[in-house]
N, C-alpha and C. Protein backbone atom coordinates (compact mmCIF):
# COMPACT_ATOMS: atom_id res chain seq x y z
N UNK A 1 -86.18 -46.13 -33.68
CA UNK A 1 -84.96 -46.57 -33.03
C UNK A 1 -85.15 -46.45 -31.51
N UNK A 2 -84.66 -47.44 -30.80
CA UNK A 2 -84.76 -47.43 -29.35
C UNK A 2 -83.69 -46.54 -28.73
N UNK A 3 -83.94 -46.13 -27.49
CA UNK A 3 -82.93 -45.38 -26.75
C UNK A 3 -81.77 -46.29 -26.41
N UNK A 4 -80.60 -45.67 -26.21
CA UNK A 4 -79.42 -46.43 -25.80
C UNK A 4 -79.67 -47.08 -24.44
N UNK A 5 -78.97 -48.16 -24.20
CA UNK A 5 -78.99 -48.78 -22.88
C UNK A 5 -78.24 -47.84 -21.95
N UNK A 6 -78.84 -47.53 -20.80
CA UNK A 6 -78.20 -46.60 -19.87
C UNK A 6 -77.03 -47.27 -19.15
N UNK A 7 -76.21 -46.45 -18.53
CA UNK A 7 -75.02 -46.93 -17.82
C UNK A 7 -75.40 -47.90 -16.70
N UNK A 8 -76.39 -47.53 -15.90
CA UNK A 8 -76.82 -48.40 -14.80
C UNK A 8 -77.51 -49.66 -15.29
N UNK A 9 -78.31 -49.52 -16.32
CA UNK A 9 -79.02 -50.69 -16.86
C UNK A 9 -78.06 -51.68 -17.49
N UNK A 10 -76.96 -51.19 -18.06
CA UNK A 10 -75.97 -52.09 -18.66
C UNK A 10 -75.38 -53.03 -17.61
N UNK A 11 -75.16 -52.52 -16.40
CA UNK A 11 -74.64 -53.37 -15.32
C UNK A 11 -75.67 -54.43 -14.94
N UNK A 12 -76.92 -54.02 -14.85
CA UNK A 12 -77.99 -54.97 -14.52
C UNK A 12 -78.11 -56.04 -15.61
N UNK A 13 -78.07 -55.63 -16.86
CA UNK A 13 -78.16 -56.59 -17.97
C UNK A 13 -76.95 -57.52 -18.00
N UNK A 14 -75.77 -57.00 -17.67
CA UNK A 14 -74.55 -57.80 -17.66
C UNK A 14 -74.68 -58.96 -16.68
N UNK A 15 -75.14 -58.67 -15.46
CA UNK A 15 -75.22 -59.73 -14.44
C UNK A 15 -76.48 -60.58 -14.57
N UNK A 16 -77.59 -60.01 -15.04
CA UNK A 16 -78.82 -60.80 -15.16
C UNK A 16 -78.77 -61.73 -16.38
N UNK A 17 -77.86 -61.49 -17.30
CA UNK A 17 -77.68 -62.36 -18.47
C UNK A 17 -76.34 -63.07 -18.40
N UNK A 18 -76.01 -63.54 -17.21
CA UNK A 18 -74.71 -64.15 -16.90
C UNK A 18 -74.33 -65.24 -17.89
N UNK A 19 -75.27 -66.09 -18.24
CA UNK A 19 -74.98 -67.20 -19.16
C UNK A 19 -75.89 -67.17 -20.39
N UNK A 20 -76.35 -66.00 -20.78
CA UNK A 20 -77.21 -65.87 -21.95
C UNK A 20 -76.33 -65.73 -23.20
N UNK A 21 -76.20 -66.83 -23.93
CA UNK A 21 -75.41 -66.83 -25.16
C UNK A 21 -76.30 -66.71 -26.39
N UNK A 22 -77.57 -66.39 -26.19
CA UNK A 22 -78.51 -66.25 -27.29
C UNK A 22 -78.92 -64.80 -27.39
N UNK A 23 -79.45 -64.43 -28.53
CA UNK A 23 -79.91 -63.06 -28.71
C UNK A 23 -78.80 -62.13 -29.16
N UNK A 24 -79.10 -60.83 -29.07
CA UNK A 24 -78.20 -59.80 -29.57
C UNK A 24 -78.03 -58.70 -28.53
N UNK A 25 -76.88 -58.06 -28.52
CA UNK A 25 -76.62 -56.94 -27.60
C UNK A 25 -76.11 -55.74 -28.39
N UNK A 26 -76.57 -54.57 -27.97
CA UNK A 26 -76.17 -53.32 -28.62
C UNK A 26 -74.77 -52.91 -28.21
N UNK A 27 -74.23 -51.98 -28.98
CA UNK A 27 -72.90 -51.44 -28.64
C UNK A 27 -72.90 -50.79 -27.27
N UNK A 28 -73.93 -50.01 -26.97
CA UNK A 28 -73.96 -49.30 -25.68
C UNK A 28 -73.98 -50.29 -24.52
N UNK A 29 -74.73 -51.38 -24.67
CA UNK A 29 -74.76 -52.40 -23.61
C UNK A 29 -73.37 -53.01 -23.42
N UNK A 30 -72.69 -53.30 -24.52
CA UNK A 30 -71.36 -53.91 -24.44
C UNK A 30 -70.34 -52.96 -23.84
N UNK A 31 -70.26 -51.73 -24.36
CA UNK A 31 -69.21 -50.81 -23.92
C UNK A 31 -69.44 -50.29 -22.51
N UNK A 32 -70.71 -50.11 -22.11
CA UNK A 32 -70.96 -49.73 -20.72
C UNK A 32 -70.57 -50.87 -19.78
N UNK A 33 -70.81 -52.11 -20.19
CA UNK A 33 -70.39 -53.25 -19.36
C UNK A 33 -68.87 -53.29 -19.24
N UNK A 34 -68.17 -52.99 -20.33
CA UNK A 34 -66.70 -52.96 -20.27
C UNK A 34 -66.21 -51.82 -19.37
N UNK A 35 -66.93 -50.69 -19.40
CA UNK A 35 -66.57 -49.57 -18.52
C UNK A 35 -66.79 -49.96 -17.06
N UNK A 36 -67.89 -50.68 -16.78
CA UNK A 36 -68.12 -51.17 -15.41
C UNK A 36 -66.98 -52.11 -14.99
N UNK A 37 -66.54 -52.98 -15.91
CA UNK A 37 -65.41 -53.86 -15.59
C UNK A 37 -64.17 -53.06 -15.22
N UNK A 38 -63.90 -52.00 -15.97
CA UNK A 38 -62.75 -51.15 -15.67
C UNK A 38 -62.89 -50.48 -14.30
N UNK A 39 -64.09 -50.01 -14.00
CA UNK A 39 -64.33 -49.37 -12.70
C UNK A 39 -64.11 -50.36 -11.57
N UNK A 40 -64.62 -51.59 -11.74
CA UNK A 40 -64.48 -52.59 -10.68
C UNK A 40 -63.04 -53.10 -10.53
N UNK A 41 -62.25 -53.05 -11.59
CA UNK A 41 -60.86 -53.51 -11.47
C UNK A 41 -59.89 -52.38 -11.13
N UNK A 42 -60.36 -51.13 -11.17
CA UNK A 42 -59.45 -50.02 -10.89
C UNK A 42 -58.87 -50.04 -9.48
N UNK A 43 -59.59 -50.48 -8.42
CA UNK A 43 -58.92 -50.57 -7.11
C UNK A 43 -57.72 -51.53 -7.14
N UNK A 44 -57.85 -52.62 -7.87
CA UNK A 44 -56.73 -53.56 -7.97
C UNK A 44 -55.58 -52.95 -8.74
N UNK A 45 -55.87 -52.20 -9.79
CA UNK A 45 -54.81 -51.55 -10.57
C UNK A 45 -54.09 -50.50 -9.74
N UNK A 46 -54.84 -49.74 -8.95
CA UNK A 46 -54.23 -48.75 -8.05
C UNK A 46 -53.37 -49.46 -7.01
N UNK A 47 -53.89 -50.56 -6.47
CA UNK A 47 -53.16 -51.35 -5.48
C UNK A 47 -51.85 -51.89 -6.08
N UNK A 48 -51.91 -52.38 -7.29
CA UNK A 48 -50.71 -52.89 -7.96
C UNK A 48 -49.70 -51.77 -8.20
N UNK A 49 -50.17 -50.62 -8.66
CA UNK A 49 -49.27 -49.50 -8.92
C UNK A 49 -48.57 -49.05 -7.64
N UNK A 50 -49.36 -48.84 -6.58
CA UNK A 50 -48.79 -48.41 -5.30
C UNK A 50 -47.85 -49.48 -4.76
N UNK A 51 -48.24 -50.75 -4.90
CA UNK A 51 -47.39 -51.85 -4.43
C UNK A 51 -46.04 -51.87 -5.12
N UNK A 52 -46.03 -51.68 -6.45
CA UNK A 52 -44.76 -51.66 -7.19
C UNK A 52 -43.90 -50.46 -6.81
N UNK A 53 -44.54 -49.30 -6.61
CA UNK A 53 -43.79 -48.10 -6.20
C UNK A 53 -43.17 -48.33 -4.82
N UNK A 54 -43.97 -48.83 -3.88
CA UNK A 54 -43.46 -49.10 -2.53
C UNK A 54 -42.35 -50.15 -2.58
N UNK A 55 -42.52 -51.17 -3.41
CA UNK A 55 -41.50 -52.21 -3.54
C UNK A 55 -40.18 -51.63 -4.06
N UNK A 56 -40.26 -50.73 -5.04
CA UNK A 56 -39.03 -50.11 -5.56
C UNK A 56 -38.37 -49.22 -4.51
N UNK A 57 -39.19 -48.46 -3.77
CA UNK A 57 -38.63 -47.60 -2.71
C UNK A 57 -37.96 -48.46 -1.64
N UNK A 58 -38.63 -49.55 -1.27
CA UNK A 58 -38.04 -50.46 -0.28
C UNK A 58 -36.77 -51.11 -0.79
N UNK A 59 -36.73 -51.42 -2.08
CA UNK A 59 -35.53 -52.02 -2.66
C UNK A 59 -34.36 -51.06 -2.70
N UNK A 60 -34.64 -49.79 -3.00
CA UNK A 60 -33.59 -48.78 -3.03
C UNK A 60 -33.04 -48.52 -1.62
N UNK A 61 -33.96 -48.45 -0.65
CA UNK A 61 -33.55 -48.16 0.73
C UNK A 61 -33.15 -49.41 1.51
N UNK A 62 -33.32 -50.57 0.89
CA UNK A 62 -33.03 -51.85 1.55
C UNK A 62 -33.78 -52.00 2.87
N UNK A 63 -35.04 -51.56 2.86
CA UNK A 63 -35.90 -51.66 4.05
C UNK A 63 -36.85 -52.83 3.86
N UNK A 64 -36.65 -53.89 4.62
CA UNK A 64 -37.43 -55.12 4.45
C UNK A 64 -38.91 -54.92 4.76
N UNK A 65 -39.24 -54.07 5.74
CA UNK A 65 -40.65 -53.86 6.08
C UNK A 65 -41.39 -53.16 4.94
N UNK A 66 -40.75 -52.22 4.27
CA UNK A 66 -41.38 -51.55 3.12
C UNK A 66 -41.52 -52.53 1.96
N UNK A 67 -40.53 -53.39 1.77
CA UNK A 67 -40.61 -54.40 0.72
C UNK A 67 -41.77 -55.35 0.97
N UNK A 68 -41.97 -55.75 2.23
CA UNK A 68 -43.09 -56.65 2.58
C UNK A 68 -44.43 -55.97 2.31
N UNK A 69 -44.56 -54.69 2.67
CA UNK A 69 -45.81 -53.96 2.43
C UNK A 69 -46.08 -53.88 0.92
N UNK A 70 -45.06 -53.54 0.15
CA UNK A 70 -45.22 -53.47 -1.31
C UNK A 70 -45.60 -54.81 -1.90
N UNK A 71 -44.93 -55.87 -1.45
CA UNK A 71 -45.25 -57.22 -1.93
C UNK A 71 -46.67 -57.63 -1.57
N UNK A 72 -47.11 -57.27 -0.35
CA UNK A 72 -48.47 -57.61 0.08
C UNK A 72 -49.51 -56.89 -0.78
N UNK A 73 -49.25 -55.62 -1.10
CA UNK A 73 -50.18 -54.87 -1.96
C UNK A 73 -50.24 -55.47 -3.36
N UNK A 74 -49.09 -55.90 -3.86
CA UNK A 74 -49.05 -56.52 -5.19
C UNK A 74 -49.83 -57.83 -5.17
N UNK A 75 -49.61 -58.65 -4.15
CA UNK A 75 -50.35 -59.92 -4.05
C UNK A 75 -51.85 -59.67 -3.93
N UNK A 76 -52.23 -58.68 -3.13
CA UNK A 76 -53.65 -58.35 -2.97
C UNK A 76 -54.25 -57.90 -4.30
N UNK A 77 -53.53 -57.07 -5.04
CA UNK A 77 -54.01 -56.60 -6.35
C UNK A 77 -54.18 -57.74 -7.33
N UNK A 78 -53.18 -58.64 -7.40
CA UNK A 78 -53.28 -59.79 -8.30
C UNK A 78 -54.40 -60.73 -7.88
N UNK A 79 -54.55 -60.95 -6.58
CA UNK A 79 -55.62 -61.83 -6.09
C UNK A 79 -56.98 -61.28 -6.49
N UNK A 80 -57.18 -59.97 -6.30
CA UNK A 80 -58.43 -59.34 -6.68
C UNK A 80 -58.69 -59.49 -8.19
N UNK A 81 -57.65 -59.24 -9.00
CA UNK A 81 -57.80 -59.36 -10.46
C UNK A 81 -58.17 -60.78 -10.87
N UNK A 82 -57.54 -61.77 -10.24
CA UNK A 82 -57.82 -63.17 -10.58
C UNK A 82 -59.25 -63.53 -10.19
N UNK A 83 -59.66 -63.17 -8.98
CA UNK A 83 -61.03 -63.49 -8.52
C UNK A 83 -62.05 -62.78 -9.41
N UNK A 84 -61.85 -61.50 -9.68
CA UNK A 84 -62.79 -60.76 -10.52
C UNK A 84 -62.80 -61.30 -11.94
N UNK A 85 -61.63 -61.63 -12.46
CA UNK A 85 -61.54 -62.19 -13.81
C UNK A 85 -62.28 -63.51 -13.94
N UNK A 86 -62.14 -64.37 -12.93
CA UNK A 86 -62.86 -65.65 -12.96
C UNK A 86 -64.36 -65.44 -12.80
N UNK A 87 -64.76 -64.49 -11.96
CA UNK A 87 -66.19 -64.23 -11.74
C UNK A 87 -66.86 -63.65 -12.97
N UNK A 88 -66.11 -62.91 -13.78
CA UNK A 88 -66.71 -62.26 -14.95
C UNK A 88 -66.35 -62.93 -16.27
N UNK A 89 -65.66 -64.04 -16.23
CA UNK A 89 -65.25 -64.72 -17.46
C UNK A 89 -66.47 -65.11 -18.31
N UNK A 90 -67.42 -65.79 -17.71
CA UNK A 90 -68.61 -66.26 -18.44
C UNK A 90 -69.47 -65.08 -18.91
N UNK A 91 -69.82 -64.10 -18.04
CA UNK A 91 -70.64 -63.00 -18.57
C UNK A 91 -69.93 -62.15 -19.62
N UNK A 92 -68.61 -62.01 -19.52
CA UNK A 92 -67.88 -61.28 -20.56
C UNK A 92 -67.93 -62.02 -21.89
N UNK A 93 -67.78 -63.33 -21.83
CA UNK A 93 -67.88 -64.13 -23.06
C UNK A 93 -69.30 -64.07 -23.61
N UNK A 94 -70.30 -64.13 -22.72
CA UNK A 94 -71.70 -64.11 -23.16
C UNK A 94 -72.04 -62.79 -23.85
N UNK A 95 -71.62 -61.67 -23.29
CA UNK A 95 -71.94 -60.38 -23.92
C UNK A 95 -71.16 -60.20 -25.22
N UNK A 96 -69.95 -60.75 -25.28
CA UNK A 96 -69.19 -60.70 -26.53
C UNK A 96 -69.87 -61.53 -27.62
N UNK A 97 -70.38 -62.69 -27.24
CA UNK A 97 -71.11 -63.55 -28.19
C UNK A 97 -72.36 -62.83 -28.69
N UNK A 98 -73.12 -62.23 -27.77
CA UNK A 98 -74.34 -61.51 -28.17
C UNK A 98 -74.01 -60.31 -29.06
N UNK A 99 -72.87 -59.67 -28.79
CA UNK A 99 -72.45 -58.54 -29.63
C UNK A 99 -72.12 -59.02 -31.04
N UNK A 100 -71.47 -60.17 -31.14
CA UNK A 100 -71.18 -60.74 -32.46
C UNK A 100 -72.47 -61.20 -33.15
N UNK A 101 -73.43 -61.68 -32.37
CA UNK A 101 -74.73 -62.05 -32.95
C UNK A 101 -75.40 -60.82 -33.57
N UNK A 102 -75.22 -59.66 -32.94
CA UNK A 102 -75.82 -58.43 -33.48
C UNK A 102 -75.22 -58.09 -34.84
N UNK A 103 -74.00 -58.56 -35.09
CA UNK A 103 -73.34 -58.35 -36.38
C UNK A 103 -73.57 -59.51 -37.35
N UNK A 104 -74.41 -60.47 -36.95
CA UNK A 104 -74.74 -61.67 -37.73
C UNK A 104 -73.59 -62.67 -37.82
N UNK A 105 -72.73 -62.70 -36.82
CA UNK A 105 -71.66 -63.70 -36.75
C UNK A 105 -72.01 -64.74 -35.69
N UNK A 106 -71.46 -65.94 -35.88
CA UNK A 106 -71.74 -67.01 -34.92
C UNK A 106 -70.90 -66.83 -33.66
N UNK A 107 -71.19 -67.65 -32.67
CA UNK A 107 -70.47 -67.55 -31.40
C UNK A 107 -69.08 -68.18 -31.47
N UNK A 108 -68.75 -68.83 -32.57
CA UNK A 108 -67.43 -69.46 -32.68
C UNK A 108 -66.30 -68.44 -32.67
N UNK A 109 -66.50 -67.30 -33.31
CA UNK A 109 -65.44 -66.29 -33.39
C UNK A 109 -65.04 -65.79 -32.00
N UNK A 110 -65.98 -65.34 -31.15
CA UNK A 110 -65.56 -64.89 -29.82
C UNK A 110 -64.98 -66.00 -28.95
N UNK A 111 -65.49 -67.21 -29.10
CA UNK A 111 -64.95 -68.32 -28.31
C UNK A 111 -63.52 -68.62 -28.74
N UNK A 112 -63.26 -68.67 -30.04
CA UNK A 112 -61.89 -68.89 -30.52
C UNK A 112 -60.98 -67.74 -30.13
N UNK A 113 -61.52 -66.53 -30.16
CA UNK A 113 -60.74 -65.37 -29.74
C UNK A 113 -60.28 -65.54 -28.29
N UNK A 114 -61.20 -65.90 -27.40
CA UNK A 114 -60.85 -66.07 -25.98
C UNK A 114 -59.83 -67.19 -25.80
N UNK A 115 -60.00 -68.29 -26.53
CA UNK A 115 -59.06 -69.41 -26.42
C UNK A 115 -57.68 -69.00 -26.90
N UNK A 116 -57.62 -68.36 -28.07
CA UNK A 116 -56.32 -67.95 -28.63
C UNK A 116 -55.62 -66.96 -27.71
N UNK A 117 -56.35 -65.97 -27.21
CA UNK A 117 -55.74 -64.98 -26.31
C UNK A 117 -55.25 -65.65 -25.03
N UNK A 118 -56.03 -66.59 -24.50
CA UNK A 118 -55.61 -67.29 -23.28
C UNK A 118 -54.34 -68.10 -23.53
N UNK A 119 -54.31 -68.86 -24.62
CA UNK A 119 -53.14 -69.70 -24.92
C UNK A 119 -51.91 -68.83 -25.17
N UNK A 120 -52.05 -67.76 -25.94
CA UNK A 120 -50.91 -66.88 -26.21
C UNK A 120 -50.42 -66.23 -24.92
N UNK A 121 -51.35 -65.78 -24.07
CA UNK A 121 -50.96 -65.18 -22.79
C UNK A 121 -50.22 -66.19 -21.92
N UNK A 122 -50.72 -67.42 -21.90
CA UNK A 122 -50.07 -68.47 -21.11
C UNK A 122 -48.65 -68.73 -21.62
N UNK A 123 -48.50 -68.87 -22.93
CA UNK A 123 -47.18 -69.15 -23.52
C UNK A 123 -46.22 -67.99 -23.27
N UNK A 124 -46.67 -66.76 -23.51
CA UNK A 124 -45.77 -65.61 -23.32
C UNK A 124 -45.39 -65.43 -21.85
N UNK A 125 -46.32 -65.71 -20.94
CA UNK A 125 -45.98 -65.62 -19.51
C UNK A 125 -44.99 -66.71 -19.12
N UNK A 126 -45.16 -67.92 -19.65
CA UNK A 126 -44.20 -68.99 -19.36
C UNK A 126 -42.83 -68.66 -19.92
N UNK A 127 -42.80 -68.08 -21.12
CA UNK A 127 -41.52 -67.69 -21.71
C UNK A 127 -40.84 -66.62 -20.86
N UNK A 128 -41.60 -65.62 -20.43
CA UNK A 128 -41.00 -64.52 -19.68
C UNK A 128 -40.55 -64.93 -18.29
N UNK A 129 -41.05 -66.06 -17.77
CA UNK A 129 -40.60 -66.55 -16.46
C UNK A 129 -39.24 -67.22 -16.52
N UNK A 130 -38.80 -67.59 -17.71
CA UNK A 130 -37.49 -68.23 -17.86
C UNK A 130 -36.39 -67.18 -17.69
N UNK A 131 -35.33 -67.56 -17.02
CA UNK A 131 -34.24 -66.62 -16.74
C UNK A 131 -33.47 -66.21 -17.99
N UNK A 132 -33.25 -67.14 -18.89
CA UNK A 132 -32.39 -66.85 -20.04
C UNK A 132 -33.16 -66.72 -21.35
N UNK A 133 -34.42 -66.31 -21.30
CA UNK A 133 -35.21 -66.24 -22.53
C UNK A 133 -34.73 -65.14 -23.46
N UNK A 134 -34.11 -64.10 -22.93
CA UNK A 134 -33.59 -63.03 -23.78
C UNK A 134 -32.36 -63.46 -24.57
N UNK A 135 -31.66 -64.50 -24.08
CA UNK A 135 -30.44 -64.97 -24.75
C UNK A 135 -30.74 -65.80 -25.99
N UNK A 136 -31.91 -66.41 -26.04
CA UNK A 136 -32.27 -67.29 -27.14
C UNK A 136 -33.03 -66.47 -28.20
N UNK A 137 -32.42 -66.29 -29.36
CA UNK A 137 -33.02 -65.48 -30.42
C UNK A 137 -34.35 -66.02 -30.92
N UNK A 138 -34.46 -67.36 -31.05
CA UNK A 138 -35.71 -67.95 -31.53
C UNK A 138 -36.84 -67.73 -30.54
N UNK A 139 -36.55 -67.92 -29.25
CA UNK A 139 -37.58 -67.74 -28.22
C UNK A 139 -38.01 -66.28 -28.17
N UNK A 140 -37.06 -65.37 -28.28
CA UNK A 140 -37.38 -63.95 -28.29
C UNK A 140 -38.25 -63.59 -29.50
N UNK A 141 -37.89 -64.14 -30.66
CA UNK A 141 -38.67 -63.93 -31.88
C UNK A 141 -40.09 -64.49 -31.72
N UNK A 142 -40.20 -65.70 -31.19
CA UNK A 142 -41.51 -66.33 -30.94
C UNK A 142 -42.34 -65.48 -29.99
N UNK A 143 -41.71 -65.00 -28.93
CA UNK A 143 -42.38 -64.17 -27.93
C UNK A 143 -43.02 -62.94 -28.59
N UNK A 144 -42.25 -62.24 -29.40
CA UNK A 144 -42.76 -61.02 -30.04
C UNK A 144 -43.79 -61.32 -31.13
N UNK A 145 -43.62 -62.40 -31.85
CA UNK A 145 -44.61 -62.79 -32.86
C UNK A 145 -45.95 -63.10 -32.19
N UNK A 146 -45.91 -63.85 -31.08
CA UNK A 146 -47.14 -64.18 -30.36
C UNK A 146 -47.82 -62.92 -29.82
N UNK A 147 -47.04 -61.99 -29.30
CA UNK A 147 -47.62 -60.74 -28.81
C UNK A 147 -48.26 -59.94 -29.95
N UNK A 148 -47.60 -59.90 -31.09
CA UNK A 148 -48.15 -59.18 -32.25
C UNK A 148 -49.45 -59.83 -32.71
N UNK A 149 -49.47 -61.17 -32.75
CA UNK A 149 -50.70 -61.89 -33.13
C UNK A 149 -51.82 -61.55 -32.17
N UNK A 150 -51.53 -61.56 -30.87
CA UNK A 150 -52.55 -61.25 -29.86
C UNK A 150 -53.06 -59.82 -30.03
N UNK A 151 -52.17 -58.88 -30.26
CA UNK A 151 -52.59 -57.49 -30.45
C UNK A 151 -53.44 -57.33 -31.71
N UNK A 152 -53.05 -57.95 -32.80
CA UNK A 152 -53.80 -57.84 -34.05
C UNK A 152 -55.20 -58.42 -33.89
N UNK A 153 -55.28 -59.60 -33.29
CA UNK A 153 -56.58 -60.23 -33.08
C UNK A 153 -57.44 -59.36 -32.17
N UNK A 154 -56.86 -58.81 -31.12
CA UNK A 154 -57.62 -57.96 -30.20
C UNK A 154 -58.11 -56.69 -30.89
N UNK A 155 -57.29 -56.10 -31.74
CA UNK A 155 -57.71 -54.90 -32.47
C UNK A 155 -58.86 -55.23 -33.42
N UNK A 156 -58.79 -56.38 -34.08
CA UNK A 156 -59.87 -56.79 -34.98
C UNK A 156 -61.17 -56.95 -34.21
N UNK A 157 -61.11 -57.59 -33.04
CA UNK A 157 -62.31 -57.79 -32.23
C UNK A 157 -62.85 -56.44 -31.74
N UNK A 158 -61.97 -55.54 -31.31
CA UNK A 158 -62.41 -54.21 -30.86
C UNK A 158 -63.12 -53.47 -31.99
N UNK A 159 -62.56 -53.54 -33.19
CA UNK A 159 -63.19 -52.88 -34.34
C UNK A 159 -64.55 -53.52 -34.61
N UNK A 160 -64.62 -54.84 -34.56
CA UNK A 160 -65.89 -55.52 -34.86
C UNK A 160 -66.97 -55.17 -33.85
N UNK A 161 -66.65 -55.17 -32.55
CA UNK A 161 -67.69 -54.85 -31.56
C UNK A 161 -68.04 -53.37 -31.57
N UNK A 162 -67.23 -52.55 -32.24
CA UNK A 162 -67.53 -51.12 -32.36
C UNK A 162 -68.44 -50.81 -33.55
N UNK A 163 -68.61 -51.78 -34.43
CA UNK A 163 -69.47 -51.58 -35.60
C UNK A 163 -70.94 -51.58 -35.19
N UNK A 164 -71.74 -50.88 -35.97
CA UNK A 164 -73.18 -50.87 -35.75
C UNK A 164 -73.75 -52.24 -36.09
N UNK A 165 -74.72 -52.70 -35.32
CA UNK A 165 -75.34 -53.99 -35.58
C UNK A 165 -76.19 -53.97 -36.84
N UNK A 166 -76.55 -55.15 -37.30
CA UNK A 166 -77.41 -55.27 -38.48
C UNK A 166 -78.79 -54.72 -38.14
N UNK A 167 -79.35 -53.94 -39.07
CA UNK A 167 -80.64 -53.30 -38.83
C UNK A 167 -81.78 -54.30 -38.86
N UNK A 168 -81.64 -55.28 -39.72
CA UNK A 168 -82.75 -56.22 -39.90
C UNK A 168 -82.66 -57.38 -38.90
N UNK A 169 -83.76 -58.08 -38.80
CA UNK A 169 -83.80 -59.28 -37.98
C UNK A 169 -82.89 -60.33 -38.60
N UNK A 170 -82.09 -60.99 -37.77
CA UNK A 170 -81.25 -62.08 -38.28
C UNK A 170 -81.60 -63.36 -37.53
N UNK A 171 -80.82 -64.41 -37.74
CA UNK A 171 -81.17 -65.70 -37.13
C UNK A 171 -81.01 -65.70 -35.61
N UNK A 172 -80.41 -64.63 -35.05
CA UNK A 172 -80.23 -64.55 -33.60
C UNK A 172 -81.31 -63.70 -32.93
N UNK A 173 -82.21 -63.13 -33.72
CA UNK A 173 -83.31 -62.38 -33.16
C UNK A 173 -83.45 -61.01 -33.80
N UNK A 174 -84.45 -60.25 -33.35
CA UNK A 174 -84.66 -58.90 -33.88
C UNK A 174 -83.57 -57.95 -33.39
N UNK A 175 -83.39 -56.87 -34.12
CA UNK A 175 -82.38 -55.88 -33.74
C UNK A 175 -82.75 -55.24 -32.41
N UNK A 176 -81.80 -55.16 -31.47
CA UNK A 176 -82.11 -54.49 -30.20
C UNK A 176 -82.11 -52.96 -30.34
N UNK A 177 -81.75 -52.46 -31.51
CA UNK A 177 -81.67 -51.02 -31.72
C UNK A 177 -82.70 -50.52 -32.73
N UNK A 178 -82.75 -51.15 -33.89
CA UNK A 178 -83.57 -50.67 -35.00
C UNK A 178 -84.90 -51.41 -35.04
N UNK A 179 -85.90 -50.89 -34.35
CA UNK A 179 -87.21 -51.54 -34.33
C UNK A 179 -87.97 -51.35 -35.64
N UNK A 180 -87.68 -50.26 -36.37
CA UNK A 180 -88.42 -50.00 -37.61
C UNK A 180 -88.05 -50.96 -38.73
N UNK A 181 -86.93 -51.67 -38.60
CA UNK A 181 -86.51 -52.63 -39.62
C UNK A 181 -86.85 -54.06 -39.22
N UNK A 182 -87.51 -54.22 -38.10
CA UNK A 182 -87.78 -55.56 -37.59
C UNK A 182 -88.75 -56.30 -38.50
N UNK A 183 -88.41 -57.52 -38.78
CA UNK A 183 -89.31 -58.42 -39.50
C UNK A 183 -89.71 -59.51 -38.53
N UNK A 184 -90.65 -60.31 -38.96
CA UNK A 184 -91.13 -61.37 -38.07
C UNK A 184 -90.00 -62.33 -37.75
N UNK A 185 -89.86 -62.61 -36.46
CA UNK A 185 -88.82 -63.54 -36.01
C UNK A 185 -89.50 -64.78 -35.48
N UNK A 186 -89.15 -65.92 -36.07
CA UNK A 186 -89.73 -67.19 -35.63
C UNK A 186 -88.82 -67.78 -34.58
N UNK A 187 -89.28 -67.81 -33.38
CA UNK A 187 -88.48 -68.33 -32.27
C UNK A 187 -88.58 -67.39 -31.08
N UNK A 188 -87.92 -67.79 -30.00
CA UNK A 188 -87.96 -67.00 -28.78
C UNK A 188 -86.95 -65.85 -28.87
N UNK A 189 -87.38 -64.68 -28.46
CA UNK A 189 -86.51 -63.50 -28.46
C UNK A 189 -85.65 -63.52 -27.20
N UNK A 190 -84.34 -63.66 -27.35
CA UNK A 190 -83.42 -63.73 -26.21
C UNK A 190 -82.66 -62.43 -25.99
N UNK A 191 -83.04 -61.35 -26.68
CA UNK A 191 -82.33 -60.08 -26.51
C UNK A 191 -82.50 -59.59 -25.08
N UNK A 192 -81.41 -59.27 -24.37
CA UNK A 192 -81.52 -58.81 -22.99
C UNK A 192 -82.38 -57.56 -22.83
N UNK A 193 -82.31 -56.62 -23.77
CA UNK A 193 -83.10 -55.39 -23.63
C UNK A 193 -84.59 -55.65 -23.79
N UNK A 194 -84.95 -56.72 -24.45
CA UNK A 194 -86.36 -57.06 -24.63
C UNK A 194 -86.91 -57.87 -23.46
N UNK A 195 -86.02 -58.44 -22.64
CA UNK A 195 -86.45 -59.29 -21.54
C UNK A 195 -86.66 -58.51 -20.25
N UNK A 196 -86.06 -57.32 -20.13
CA UNK A 196 -86.18 -56.54 -18.91
C UNK A 196 -86.85 -55.22 -19.21
N UNK A 197 -87.46 -54.66 -18.20
CA UNK A 197 -88.07 -53.34 -18.36
C UNK A 197 -86.99 -52.29 -18.23
N UNK A 198 -87.13 -51.21 -19.00
CA UNK A 198 -86.11 -50.16 -18.93
C UNK A 198 -86.24 -49.38 -17.64
N UNK A 199 -85.09 -48.86 -17.20
CA UNK A 199 -85.04 -48.09 -15.95
C UNK A 199 -85.17 -46.62 -16.23
């Protein structure tokens, strides 16, 4: 069995395999990349939290300058999240696809997952922007059903990417973890851990 992908190497593999939708990725590579995403978005989350607190304080005190500062921090936090989200959309999808390949699933599942989550998020955000959406029972019911669907799908995906990969070689390549179960693989090996030297 190979050693786990290290925390630093996971970041390198995440960016060097920006559009690599072939091969397989280990759990450690996936979860360390997600931890790096959290670390990189935490300044925006802190900015949003402080911005909302300042905005509430300004609203209570009716101080327009404090409200402007809070609003600016909120806009800055959202701008950062949008830019970072767009910059990491493709590599996040790529590592999710490779993680599903490690479980012997096709790339259709993660792609459909991303599409469904995006569409549900778009619909629920549009619903919540309406002033009278709470007054309409059907819209409120639809809103909560869509949120429940999104949560259930997300939990299923989290459970799946947390499972151990297949030990044997599959149609996506040899196991990036279990070398002792490797059988001959006909084709090019696209596993990120096999393409780079370990640090």
